[in-house]
Amino acid sequence: MITVRVNEVSIEIEETTNIHQLLNKVNSSTQGVALAINNTIVGKDGWDTQLFQANDNILIIKATQGG
């Protein structure tokens, strides 16, 4: 297990967790979502292969409607 920070909250995940699995773990939709690891945006084409390192800072950004 490793510890990462997701939107400023520390959580423990398996070392083999990819982005899709992380989004599922934190109950986040994959639609209308962008994700950055250590201030670097990860394109959706890398979500199945991108793994995390201990102490990564992950930011999940959800699109909203409004005006």
PDB file of N, CA and C in Angstrom:
ATOM      1  N   MET A   1       0.836  -1.181   0.000  1.00  0.00           N
ATOM      2  CA  MET A   1       0.000   0.000   0.000  1.00  0.00           C
ATOM      3  C   MET A   1       0.886   1.251   0.000  1.00  0.00           C
ATOM      4  N   ILE A   2       0.382   2.284  -0.674  1.00  0.00           N
ATOM      5  CA  ILE A   2       1.051   3.573  -0.661  1.00  0.00           C
ATOM      6  C   ILE A   2       0.020   4.636  -0.277  1.00  0.00           C
ATOM      7  N   THR A   3       0.516   5.770   0.198  1.00  0.00           N
ATOM      8  CA  THR A   3      -0.358   6.885   0.547  1.00  0.00           C
ATOM      9  C   THR A   3      -0.210   7.963  -0.509  1.00  0.00           C
ATOM     10  N   VAL A   4      -1.350   8.449  -1.009  1.00  0.00           N
ATOM     11  CA  VAL A   4      -1.385   9.563  -1.954  1.00  0.00           C
ATOM     12  C   VAL A   4      -2.382  10.585  -1.416  1.00  0.00           C
ATOM     13  N   ARG A   5      -2.331  11.793  -1.954  1.00  0.00           N
ATOM     14  CA  ARG A   5      -3.289  12.829  -1.567  1.00  0.00           C
ATOM     15  C   ARG A   5      -4.202  13.097  -2.749  1.00  0.00           C
ATOM     16  N   VAL A   6      -5.502  12.939  -2.533  1.00  0.00           N
ATOM     17  CA  VAL A   6      -6.505  13.190  -3.564  1.00  0.00           C
ATOM     18  C   VAL A   6      -7.329  14.388  -3.116  1.00  0.00           C
ATOM     19  N   ASN A   7      -7.229  15.468  -3.879  1.00  0.00           N
ATOM     20  CA  ASN A   7      -7.936  16.709  -3.516  1.00  0.00           C
ATOM     21  C   ASN A   7      -7.721  17.047  -2.038  1.00  0.00           C
ATOM     22  N   GLU A   8      -6.456  16.990  -1.617  1.00  0.00           N
ATOM     23  CA  GLU A   8      -6.023  17.375  -0.265  1.00  0.00           C
ATOM     24  C   GLU A   8      -6.381  16.375   0.829  1.00  0.00           C
ATOM     25  N   VAL A   9      -6.852  15.181   0.466  1.00  0.00           N
ATOM     26  CA  VAL A   9      -7.194  14.151   1.452  1.00  0.00           C
ATOM     27  C   VAL A   9      -6.271  12.951   1.236  1.00  0.00           C
ATOM     28  N   SER A  10      -5.596  12.512   2.282  1.00  0.00           N
ATOM     29  CA  SER A  10      -4.708  11.353   2.192  1.00  0.00           C
ATOM     30  C   SER A  10      -5.522  10.070   2.166  1.00  0.00           C
ATOM     31  N   ILE A  11      -5.181   9.192   1.205  1.00  0.00           N
ATOM     32  CA  ILE A  11      -5.807   7.868   1.144  1.00  0.00           C
ATOM     33  C   ILE A  11      -4.725   6.843   0.841  1.00  0.00           C
ATOM     34  N   GLU A  12      -5.007   5.605   1.186  1.00  0.00           N
ATOM     35  CA  GLU A  12      -4.100   4.507   0.873  1.00  0.00           C
ATOM     36  C   GLU A  12      -4.655   3.723  -0.293  1.00  0.00           C
ATOM     37  N   ILE A  13      -3.763   3.397  -1.239  1.00  0.00           N
ATOM     38  CA  ILE A  13      -4.136   2.611  -2.408  1.00  0.00           C
ATOM     39  C   ILE A  13      -3.069   1.552  -2.657  1.00  0.00           C
ATOM     40  N   GLU A  14      -3.430   0.557  -3.431  1.00  0.00           N
ATOM     41  CA  GLU A  14      -2.459  -0.444  -3.851  1.00  0.00           C
ATOM     42  C   GLU A  14      -1.464   0.194  -4.820  1.00  0.00           C
ATOM     43  N   GLU A  15      -0.244  -0.278  -4.849  1.00  0.00           N
ATOM     44  CA  GLU A  15       0.774   0.252  -5.760  1.00  0.00           C
ATOM     45  C   GLU A  15       0.409   0.050  -7.220  1.00  0.00           C
ATOM     46  N   THR A  16      -0.472  -0.900  -7.498  1.00  0.00           N
ATOM     47  CA  THR A  16      -0.846  -1.211  -8.878  1.00  0.00           C
ATOM     48  C   THR A  16      -2.131  -0.505  -9.317  1.00  0.00           C
ATOM     49  N   THR A  17      -2.595   0.469  -8.534  1.00  0.00           N
ATOM     50  CA  THR A  17      -3.830   1.184  -8.846  1.00  0.00           C
ATOM     51  C   THR A  17      -3.614   2.133 -10.020  1.00  0.00           C
ATOM     52  N   ASN A  18      -4.514   2.042 -11.027  1.00  0.00           N
ATOM     53  CA  ASN A  18      -4.451   3.004 -12.131  1.00  0.00           C
ATOM     54  C   ASN A  18      -5.512   4.086 -11.902  1.00  0.00           C
ATOM     55  N   ILE A  19      -5.584   5.043 -12.808  1.00  0.00           N
ATOM     56  CA  ILE A  19      -6.482   6.184 -12.613  1.00  0.00           C
ATOM     57  C   ILE A  19      -7.944   5.761 -12.592  1.00  0.00           C
ATOM     58  N   HIS A  20      -8.357   4.880 -13.508  1.00  0.00           N
ATOM     59  CA  HIS A  20      -9.752   4.420 -13.488  1.00  0.00           C
ATOM     60  C   HIS A  20     -10.100   3.789 -12.140  1.00  0.00           C
ATOM     61  N   GLN A  21      -9.202   2.974 -11.617  1.00  0.00           N
ATOM     62  CA  GLN A  21      -9.448   2.322 -10.333  1.00  0.00           C
ATOM     63  C   GLN A  21      -9.513   3.345  -9.193  1.00  0.00           C
ATOM     64  N   LEU A  22      -8.654   4.352  -9.246  1.00  0.00           N
ATOM     65  CA  LEU A  22      -8.688   5.388  -8.220  1.00  0.00           C
ATOM     66  C   LEU A  22     -10.008   6.148  -8.264  1.00  0.00           C
ATOM     67  N   LEU A  23     -10.455   6.531  -9.458  1.00  0.00           N
ATOM     68  CA  LEU A  23     -11.718   7.253  -9.578  1.00  0.00           C
ATOM     69  C   LEU A  23     -12.869   6.415  -9.030  1.00  0.00           C
ATOM     70  N   ASN A  24     -12.834   5.124  -9.286  1.00  0.00           N
ATOM     71  CA  ASN A  24     -13.861   4.229  -8.742  1.00  0.00           C
ATOM     72  C   ASN A  24     -13.784   4.199  -7.207  1.00  0.00           C
ATOM     73  N   LYS A  25     -12.575   4.130  -6.671  1.00  0.00           N
ATOM     74  CA  LYS A  25     -12.383   4.057  -5.214  1.00  0.00           C
ATOM     75  C   LYS A  25     -12.927   5.306  -4.511  1.00  0.00           C
ATOM     76  N   VAL A  26     -12.779   6.464  -5.142  1.00  0.00           N
ATOM     77  CA  VAL A  26     -13.238   7.703  -4.516  1.00  0.00           C
ATOM     78  C   VAL A  26     -14.636   8.098  -4.998  1.00  0.00           C
ATOM     79  N   ASN A  27     -15.316   7.154  -5.658  1.00  0.00           N
ATOM     80  CA  ASN A  27     -16.694   7.352  -6.134  1.00  0.00           C
ATOM     81  C   ASN A  27     -16.842   8.552  -7.064  1.00  0.00           C
ATOM     82  N   SER A  28     -15.888   8.698  -7.981  1.00  0.00           N
ATOM     83  CA  SER A  28     -15.939   9.791  -8.939  1.00  0.00           C
ATOM     84  C   SER A  28     -16.292   9.250 -10.317  1.00  0.00           C
ATOM     85  N   SER A  29     -17.123   9.971 -11.018  1.00  0.00           N
ATOM     86  CA  SER A  29     -17.447   9.635 -12.400  1.00  0.00           C
ATOM     87  C   SER A  29     -16.212   9.839 -13.274  1.00  0.00           C
ATOM     88  N   THR A  30     -16.183   9.178 -14.412  1.00  0.00           N
ATOM     89  CA  THR A  30     -15.118   9.416 -15.379  1.00  0.00           C
ATOM     90  C   THR A  30     -15.558  10.399 -16.458  1.00  0.00           C
ATOM     91  N   GLN A  31     -16.820  10.750 -16.454  1.00  0.00           N
ATOM     92  CA  GLN A  31     -17.349  11.707 -17.430  1.00  0.00           C
ATOM     93  C   GLN A  31     -17.192  13.133 -16.901  1.00  0.00           C
ATOM     94  N   GLY A  32     -16.707  14.027 -17.739  1.00  0.00           N
ATOM     95  CA  GLY A  32     -16.560  15.415 -17.346  1.00  0.00           C
ATOM     96  C   GLY A  32     -15.511  15.637 -16.280  1.00  0.00           C
ATOM     97  N   VAL A  33     -14.481  14.780 -16.289  1.00  0.00           N
ATOM     98  CA  VAL A  33     -13.450  14.835 -15.255  1.00  0.00           C
ATOM     99  C   VAL A  33     -12.081  15.006 -15.900  1.00  0.00           C
ATOM    100  N   ALA A  34     -11.251  15.831 -15.295  1.00  0.00           N
ATOM    101  CA  ALA A  34      -9.833  15.922 -15.650  1.00  0.00           C
ATOM    102  C   ALA A  34      -9.043  15.553 -14.403  1.00  0.00           C
ATOM    103  N   LEU A  35      -7.846  15.028 -14.611  1.00  0.00           N
ATOM    104  CA  LEU A  35      -7.041  14.591 -13.478  1.00  0.00           C
ATOM    105  C   LEU A  35      -5.600  15.023 -13.685  1.00  0.00           C
ATOM    106  N   ALA A  36      -5.003  15.533 -12.612  1.00  0.00           N
ATOM    107  CA  ALA A  36      -3.596  15.929 -12.638  1.00  0.00           C
ATOM    108  C   ALA A  36      -2.858  15.212 -11.523  1.00  0.00           C
ATOM    109  N   ILE A  37      -1.649  14.783 -11.827  1.00  0.00           N
ATOM    110  CA  ILE A  37      -0.766  14.179 -10.830  1.00  0.00           C
ATOM    111  C   ILE A  37       0.427  15.115 -10.687  1.00  0.00           C
ATOM    112  N   ASN A  38       0.641  15.612  -9.494  1.00  0.00           N
ATOM    113  CA  ASN A  38       1.740  16.546  -9.228  1.00  0.00           C
ATOM    114  C   ASN A  38       1.740  17.701 -10.228  1.00  0.00           C
ATOM    115  N   ASN A  39       0.567  18.285 -10.447  1.00  0.00           N
ATOM    116  CA  ASN A  39       0.360  19.452 -11.316  1.00  0.00           C
ATOM    117  C   ASN A  39       0.543  19.172 -12.802  1.00  0.00           C
ATOM    118  N   THR A  40       0.531  17.905 -13.211  1.00  0.00           N
ATOM    119  CA  THR A  40       0.618  17.546 -14.617  1.00  0.00           C
ATOM    120  C   THR A  40      -0.651  16.804 -15.020  1.00  0.00           C
ATOM    121  N   ILE A  41      -1.384  17.379 -15.986  1.00  0.00           N
ATOM    122  CA  ILE A  41      -2.617  16.749 -16.471  1.00  0.00           C
ATOM    123  C   ILE A  41      -2.279  15.427 -17.150  1.00  0.00           C
ATOM    124  N   VAL A  42      -3.081  14.402 -16.873  1.00  0.00           N
ATOM    125  CA  VAL A  42      -2.927  13.095 -17.522  1.00  0.00           C
ATOM    126  C   VAL A  42      -4.113  12.916 -18.468  1.00  0.00           C
ATOM    127  N   GLY A  43      -3.831  12.743 -19.757  1.00  0.00           N
ATOM    128  CA  GLY A  43      -4.888  12.535 -20.743  1.00  0.00           C
ATOM    129  C   GLY A  43      -5.617  11.221 -20.510  1.00  0.00           C
ATOM    130  N   LYS A  44      -6.885  11.189 -20.914  1.00  0.00           N
ATOM    131  CA  LYS A  44      -7.696   9.986 -20.688  1.00  0.00           C
ATOM    132  C   LYS A  44      -7.110   8.743 -21.353  1.00  0.00           C
ATOM    133  N   ASP A  45      -6.318   8.924 -22.395  1.00  0.00           N
ATOM    134  CA  ASP A  45      -5.709   7.764 -23.048  1.00  0.00           C
ATOM    135  C   ASP A  45      -4.681   7.075 -22.156  1.00  0.00           C
ATOM    136  N   GLY A  46      -4.241   7.716 -21.090  1.00  0.00           N
ATOM    137  CA  GLY A  46      -3.277   7.115 -20.175  1.00  0.00           C
ATOM    138  C   GLY A  46      -3.873   6.619 -18.869  1.00  0.00           C
ATOM    139  N   TRP A  47      -5.188   6.725 -18.726  1.00  0.00           N
ATOM    140  CA  TRP A  47      -5.818   6.380 -17.452  1.00  0.00           C
ATOM    141  C   TRP A  47      -5.742   4.890 -17.111  1.00  0.00           C
ATOM    142  N   ASP A  48      -5.613   4.026 -18.093  1.00  0.00           N
ATOM    143  CA  ASP A  48      -5.517   2.591 -17.799  1.00  0.00           C
ATOM    144  C   ASP A  48      -4.096   2.166 -17.448  1.00  0.00           C
ATOM    145  N   THR A  49      -3.105   2.974 -17.830  1.00  0.00           N
ATOM    146  CA  THR A  49      -1.714   2.569 -17.639  1.00  0.00           C
ATOM    147  C   THR A  49      -0.966   3.400 -16.601  1.00  0.00           C
ATOM    148  N   GLN A  50      -1.453   4.595 -16.309  1.00  0.00           N
ATOM    149  CA  GLN A  50      -0.764   5.479 -15.357  1.00  0.00           C
ATOM    150  C   GLN A  50      -0.925   4.955 -13.940  1.00  0.00           C
ATOM    151  N   LEU A  51       0.202   4.702 -13.279  1.00  0.00           N
ATOM    152  CA  LEU A  51       0.201   4.270 -11.884  1.00  0.00           C
ATOM    153  C   LEU A  51       0.675   5.424 -11.008  1.00  0.00           C
ATOM    154  N   PHE A  52       0.557   5.263  -9.721  1.00  0.00           N
ATOM    155  CA  PHE A  52       0.896   6.321  -8.780  1.00  0.00           C
ATOM    156  C   PHE A  52       2.134   5.952  -7.976  1.00  0.00           C
ATOM    157  N   GLN A  53       2.792   6.978  -7.458  1.00  0.00           N
ATOM    158  CA  GLN A  53       3.933   6.822  -6.565  1.00  0.00           C
ATOM    159  C   GLN A  53       3.514   7.315  -5.183  1.00  0.00           C
ATOM    160  N   ALA A  54       4.179   6.829  -4.163  1.00  0.00           N
ATOM    161  CA  ALA A  54       3.894   7.292  -2.800  1.00  0.00           C
ATOM    162  C   ALA A  54       4.019   8.806  -2.743  1.00  0.00           C
ATOM    163  N   ASN A  55       3.094   9.431  -2.043  1.00  0.00           N
ATOM    164  CA  ASN A  55       3.058  10.873  -1.807  1.00  0.00           C
ATOM    165  C   ASN A  55       2.687  11.709  -3.026  1.00  0.00           C
ATOM    166  N   ASP A  56       2.184  11.080  -4.092  1.00  0.00           N
ATOM    167  CA  ASP A  56       1.691  11.855  -5.233  1.00  0.00           C
ATOM    168  C   ASP A  56       0.550  12.752  -4.778  1.00  0.00           C
ATOM    169  N   ASN A  57       0.487  13.936  -5.366  1.00  0.00           N
ATOM    170  CA  ASN A  57      -0.638  14.842  -5.153  1.00  0.00           C
ATOM    171  C   ASN A  57      -1.529  14.762  -6.378  1.00  0.00           C
ATOM    172  N   ILE A  58      -2.758  14.313  -6.181  1.00  0.00           N
ATOM    173  CA  ILE A  58      -3.697  14.083  -7.275  1.00  0.00           C
ATOM    174  C   ILE A  58      -4.834  15.079  -7.147  1.00  0.00           C
ATOM    175  N   LEU A  59      -5.132  15.738  -8.243  1.00  0.00           N
ATOM    176  CA  LEU A  59      -6.229  16.695  -8.275  1.00  0.00           C
ATOM    177  C   LEU A  59      -7.264  16.199  -9.283  1.00  0.00           C
ATOM    178  N   ILE A  60      -8.484  15.987  -8.806  1.00  0.00           N
ATOM    179  CA  ILE A  60      -9.599  15.593  -9.664  1.00  0.00           C
ATOM    180  C   ILE A  60     -10.464  16.825  -9.866  1.00  0.00           C
ATOM    181  N   ILE A  61     -10.624  17.205 -11.121  1.00  0.00           N
ATOM    182  CA  ILE A  61     -11.395  18.394 -11.470  1.00  0.00           C
ATOM    183  C   ILE A  61     -12.646  17.956 -12.196  1.00  0.00           C
ATOM    184  N   LYS A  62     -13.801  18.358 -11.676  1.00  0.00           N
ATOM    185  CA  LYS A  62     -15.080  17.977 -12.276  1.00  0.00           C
ATOM    186  C   LYS A  62     -15.694  19.183 -12.958  1.00  0.00           C
ATOM    187  N   ALA A  63     -16.128  18.985 -14.206  1.00  0.00           N
ATOM    188  CA  ALA A  63     -16.804  20.041 -14.944  1.00  0.00           C
ATOM    189  C   ALA A  63     -18.171  20.295 -14.329  1.00  0.00           C
ATOM    190  N   THR A  64     -18.574  21.552 -14.296  1.00  0.00           N
ATOM    191  CA  THR A  64     -19.887  21.912 -13.779  1.00  0.00           C
ATOM    192  C   THR A  64     -20.602  22.791 -14.788  1.00  0.00           C
ATOM    193  N   GLN A  65     -21.902  22.835 -14.668  1.00  0.00           N
ATOM    194  CA  GLN A  65     -22.698  23.710 -15.515  1.00  0.00           C
ATOM    195  C   GLN A  65     -23.083  24.944 -14.722  1.00  0.00           C
ATOM    196  N   GLY A  66     -23.358  25.969 -15.421  1.00  0.00           N
ATOM    197  CA  GLY A  66     -23.791  27.176 -14.732  1.00  0.00           C
ATOM    198  C   GLY A  66     -23.493  28.396 -15.567  1.00  0.00           C
ATOM    199  N   GLY A  67     -23.778  29.480 -15.035  1.00  0.00           N
ATOM    200  CA  GLY A  67     -23.503  30.673 -15.806  1.00  0.00           C
ATOM    201  C   GLY A  67     -23.705  31.929 -15.046  1.00  0.00           C
TER     202      GLY A  67
END
